[in-house]
Amino acid sequence: MRILSVGNRYPPWSVGGYETTWAGAVGFLRDRGHAVRVLTTRPDPSDRPGAGAGDVHRDLRWYWRAHEFPPLGLRACVALERLNARVLAAHLASFAPDAVMWWAMGGMSLSLLEQVRLAGVPALAVVGDDWVNYGPRVDAWTRRWQGWARVAAPLASRLTGVPASLHLDLAGRWSFNSRATLTAARGAGWRLEGAGVAHPGGALERFA
């Protein structure tokens, strides 16, 4: 199977629990013969130096920089979204994945999820923090088309070529790292029907 794995700050640039689980999953799938390509974010001033092994592409821009979400005007926002849409489209065309796996998406273009859904590629989101809650608030593009502005979302999509509506309930299947994380996501208003819970394992040698 060919799997496109997408998220922010793929190791070794960041080595938190979420990132470690992501890299472990990529290694696990590759060891079992699957072709896995990682698509992740460009360097940030707070990232650790280093290069990821294997098929890793650090081409995506995002809204987070040095532990902040700086304000972004509409023109800059559209430019960022269009760049990310082109990058994703290029990988969907060149790699032709059988499935997409979403990882840490907080602060990123959530329009990417809709782009994959509209392309008809099956997807699984592996959620290891509360990005389902805060991601829509810090995504400067899809956030603009919430509330009363929702009626203008289809027009914004046509004019920019970037999906402006956010449909997380339709984005694919969902796996959360805890019942609490899933409950919080549903508390934010998402149904996420059929979502499951898969607790990440621990390295036994670290907890002798």
Protein backbone atom coordinates (compact mmCIF):
# COMPACT_ATOMS: atom_id res chain seq x y z
CA MET A 1 0.00 0.00 0.00
CA ARG A 2 1.11 3.55 -0.73
CA ILE A 3 0.43 5.93 2.18
CA LEU A 4 0.90 9.70 2.23
CA SER A 5 1.47 10.76 5.84
CA VAL A 6 0.81 14.45 6.57
CA GLY A 7 1.34 16.62 9.64
CA ASN A 8 3.54 19.28 11.21
CA ARG A 9 7.11 19.08 12.57
CA TYR A 10 8.06 15.53 11.66
CA PRO A 11 11.06 14.23 13.70
CA PRO A 12 13.83 14.83 14.34
CA TRP A 13 12.85 18.51 14.25
CA SER A 14 10.47 17.93 17.12
CA VAL A 15 10.49 14.92 19.42
CA GLY A 16 7.37 15.20 21.56
CA GLY A 17 5.08 12.27 22.20
CA TYR A 18 2.87 12.91 19.17
CA GLU A 19 5.87 13.21 16.85
CA THR A 20 7.50 10.09 18.30
CA THR A 21 4.30 8.10 17.78
CA TRP A 22 4.09 9.37 14.20
CA ALA A 23 7.67 8.41 13.36
CA GLY A 24 7.15 5.02 15.01
CA ALA A 25 4.06 4.38 12.90
CA VAL A 26 5.90 5.35 9.72
CA GLY A 27 8.73 2.97 10.59
CA PHE A 28 6.29 0.19 11.45
CA LEU A 29 4.47 0.51 8.13
CA ARG A 30 7.70 0.69 6.13
CA ASP A 31 9.07 -2.41 7.88
CA ARG A 32 5.99 -4.29 6.69
CA GLY A 33 6.55 -3.40 3.08
CA HIS A 34 4.30 -0.35 2.69
CA ALA A 35 5.54 2.70 0.78
CA VAL A 36 5.13 5.69 3.10
CA ARG A 37 5.84 9.27 2.09
CA VAL A 38 5.92 11.99 4.77
CA LEU A 39 4.71 15.49 3.87
CA THR A 40 5.38 18.00 6.62
CA THR A 41 6.14 21.64 7.41
CA ARG A 42 9.06 23.87 6.53
CA PRO A 43 11.65 24.77 9.20
CA ASP A 44 10.57 26.92 12.12
CA PRO A 45 12.99 28.93 14.32
CA SER A 46 12.12 26.69 17.27
CA ASP A 47 12.78 23.41 15.42
CA ARG A 48 15.73 21.16 16.17
CA PRO A 49 18.28 20.67 13.38
CA GLY A 50 18.40 17.40 11.51
CA ALA A 51 17.03 15.62 8.48
CA GLY A 52 14.40 12.91 8.52
CA ALA A 53 15.30 9.55 7.03
CA GLY A 54 13.56 8.18 3.98
CA ASP A 55 10.90 9.78 1.81
CA VAL A 56 10.33 12.99 3.82
CA HIS A 57 9.24 16.25 2.17
CA ARG A 58 9.27 19.46 4.24
CA ASP A 59 7.33 21.63 1.84
CA LEU A 60 4.20 22.85 3.65
CA ARG A 61 3.75 26.29 5.17
CA TRP A 62 1.60 26.80 8.24
CA TYR A 63 0.19 29.45 10.56
CA TRP A 64 2.40 28.75 13.58
CA ARG A 65 5.79 30.42 14.00
CA ALA A 66 8.08 30.36 17.01
CA HIS A 67 5.32 29.36 19.43
CA GLU A 68 2.84 31.96 18.16
CA PHE A 69 0.09 32.35 15.59
CA PRO A 70 0.92 35.77 14.10
CA PRO A 71 -1.90 37.64 12.32
CA LEU A 72 -2.07 37.17 8.57
CA GLY A 73 -3.89 39.33 6.05
CA LEU A 74 -6.25 37.88 3.47
CA ARG A 75 -3.81 38.14 0.57
CA ALA A 76 -1.02 36.37 2.49
CA CYS A 77 -3.50 33.80 3.73
CA VAL A 78 -4.68 32.97 0.22
CA ALA A 79 -1.06 32.72 -0.98
CA LEU A 80 -0.23 30.27 1.81
CA GLU A 81 -3.31 28.17 1.12
CA ARG A 82 -2.71 28.07 -2.61
CA LEU A 83 0.91 27.03 -2.11
CA ASN A 84 -0.11 24.20 0.22
CA ALA A 85 -2.88 23.10 -2.15
CA ARG A 86 -0.37 22.92 -5.02
CA VAL A 87 2.11 20.98 -2.91
CA LEU A 88 -0.50 18.45 -1.85
CA ALA A 89 -1.89 18.11 -5.37
CA ALA A 90 1.61 17.43 -6.69
CA HIS A 91 2.17 14.65 -4.15
CA LEU A 92 -1.24 13.13 -4.82
CA ALA A 93 -0.36 13.07 -8.53
CA SER A 94 3.26 11.87 -8.30
CA PHE A 95 2.95 9.43 -5.39
CA ALA A 96 -0.64 8.27 -6.12
CA PRO A 97 -1.36 7.19 -2.53
CA ASP A 98 -3.92 4.53 -1.73
CA ALA A 99 -4.61 6.38 1.52
CA VAL A 100 -3.68 9.52 3.44
CA MET A 101 -2.87 9.53 7.16
CA TRP A 102 -3.32 12.84 8.97
CA TRP A 103 -1.23 13.41 12.09
CA ALA A 104 -0.63 16.71 13.94
CA MET A 105 -2.65 19.28 11.98
CA GLY A 106 -2.94 22.10 14.52
CA GLY A 107 -1.94 25.42 12.97
CA MET A 108 -2.00 23.97 9.46
CA SER A 109 -4.23 24.39 6.42
CA LEU A 110 -7.26 22.31 7.33
CA SER A 111 -8.39 22.83 3.74
CA LEU A 112 -5.95 20.01 2.94
CA LEU A 113 -8.33 17.52 4.55
CA GLU A 114 -11.15 18.72 2.32
CA GLN A 115 -8.87 18.63 -0.72
CA VAL A 116 -8.14 14.94 -0.10
CA ARG A 117 -11.80 14.17 0.53
CA LEU A 118 -12.82 15.83 -2.73
CA ALA A 119 -10.09 13.87 -4.53
CA GLY A 120 -11.72 10.65 -3.32
CA VAL A 121 -8.66 9.33 -1.48
CA PRO A 122 -9.46 7.36 1.71
CA ALA A 123 -8.06 8.98 4.84
CA LEU A 124 -7.41 8.24 8.51
CA ALA A 125 -6.71 10.96 11.08
CA VAL A 126 -4.57 9.85 14.02
CA VAL A 127 -5.21 12.41 16.76
CA GLY A 128 -2.73 12.75 19.61
CA ASP A 129 -3.63 16.17 21.01
CA ASP A 130 -6.51 18.67 20.89
CA TRP A 131 -5.91 20.01 17.37
CA VAL A 132 -9.46 19.07 16.38
CA ASN A 133 -10.55 21.71 18.92
CA TYR A 134 -8.04 24.51 18.45
CA GLY A 135 -7.07 23.88 14.81
CA PRO A 136 -10.21 25.50 13.35
CA ARG A 137 -9.63 28.59 15.53
CA VAL A 138 -6.05 29.18 14.35
CA ASP A 139 -6.55 28.23 10.71
CA ALA A 140 -6.75 31.73 9.22
CA TRP A 141 -8.43 30.48 6.03
CA THR A 142 -11.32 28.20 6.97
CA ARG A 143 -11.92 30.33 10.09
CA ARG A 144 -12.90 33.24 7.84
CA TRP A 145 -15.85 31.29 6.45
CA GLN A 146 -17.56 30.30 9.69
CA GLY A 147 -20.74 31.78 11.14
CA TRP A 148 -22.53 34.29 8.93
CA ALA A 149 -19.73 34.11 6.35
CA ARG A 150 -20.49 30.42 5.70
CA VAL A 151 -22.80 31.37 2.83
CA ALA A 152 -19.82 32.90 0.99
CA ALA A 153 -17.61 29.82 1.36
CA PRO A 154 -18.56 28.25 -2.00
CA LEU A 155 -17.76 31.51 -3.81
CA ALA A 156 -14.43 31.82 -1.94
CA SER A 157 -13.58 28.27 -2.98
CA ARG A 158 -14.30 28.98 -6.65
CA LEU A 159 -12.37 32.27 -6.71
CA THR A 160 -9.25 30.91 -4.97
CA GLY A 161 -9.27 27.26 -5.95
CA VAL A 162 -8.92 26.35 -2.26
CA PRO A 163 -11.68 24.62 -0.26
CA ALA A 164 -13.13 27.13 2.20
CA SER A 165 -15.58 24.86 4.03
CA LEU A 166 -14.49 22.60 6.86
CA HIS A 167 -16.11 19.15 7.05
CA LEU A 168 -14.10 17.18 9.60
CA ASP A 169 -16.96 14.73 10.07
CA LEU A 170 -16.59 13.74 6.41
CA ALA A 171 -12.79 13.86 6.21
CA GLY A 172 -12.25 10.14 6.79
CA ARG A 173 -11.92 7.77 9.70
CA TRP A 174 -10.66 8.92 13.09
CA SER A 175 -8.42 7.34 15.73
CA PHE A 176 -7.78 9.17 19.04
CA ASN A 177 -5.05 8.50 21.57
CA SER A 178 -7.48 8.60 24.51
CA ARG A 179 -11.15 8.67 25.34
CA ALA A 180 -10.65 12.13 26.85
CA THR A 181 -9.27 13.52 23.57
CA LEU A 182 -12.19 12.06 21.63
CA THR A 183 -14.70 13.38 24.15
CA ALA A 184 -13.17 16.88 23.89
CA ALA A 185 -13.38 16.79 20.10
CA ARG A 186 -17.03 15.82 20.20
CA GLY A 187 -17.60 18.51 22.81
CA ALA A 188 -16.41 21.03 20.21
CA GLY A 189 -19.36 20.02 18.04
CA TRP A 190 -17.91 17.32 15.77
CA ARG A 191 -19.83 14.02 15.54
CA LEU A 192 -16.89 11.91 14.34
CA GLU A 193 -19.09 8.85 13.97
CA GLY A 194 -17.22 5.56 14.22
CA ALA A 195 -14.13 7.19 15.77
CA GLY A 196 -11.99 4.79 17.78
CA VAL A 197 -9.43 5.03 20.57
CA ALA A 198 -5.93 3.50 20.24
CA HIS A 199 -3.62 4.23 23.17
CA PRO A 200 0.00 4.74 22.06
CA GLY A 201 2.44 2.28 23.55
CA GLY A 202 5.40 3.06 25.78
CA ALA A 203 9.03 2.02 25.32
CA LEU A 204 9.48 -0.58 28.07
CA GLU A 205 13.25 -0.06 28.21
CA ARG A 206 12.64 3.52 29.34
CA PHE A 207 10.44 2.44 32.26
CA ALA A 208 12.32 -0.51 33.71
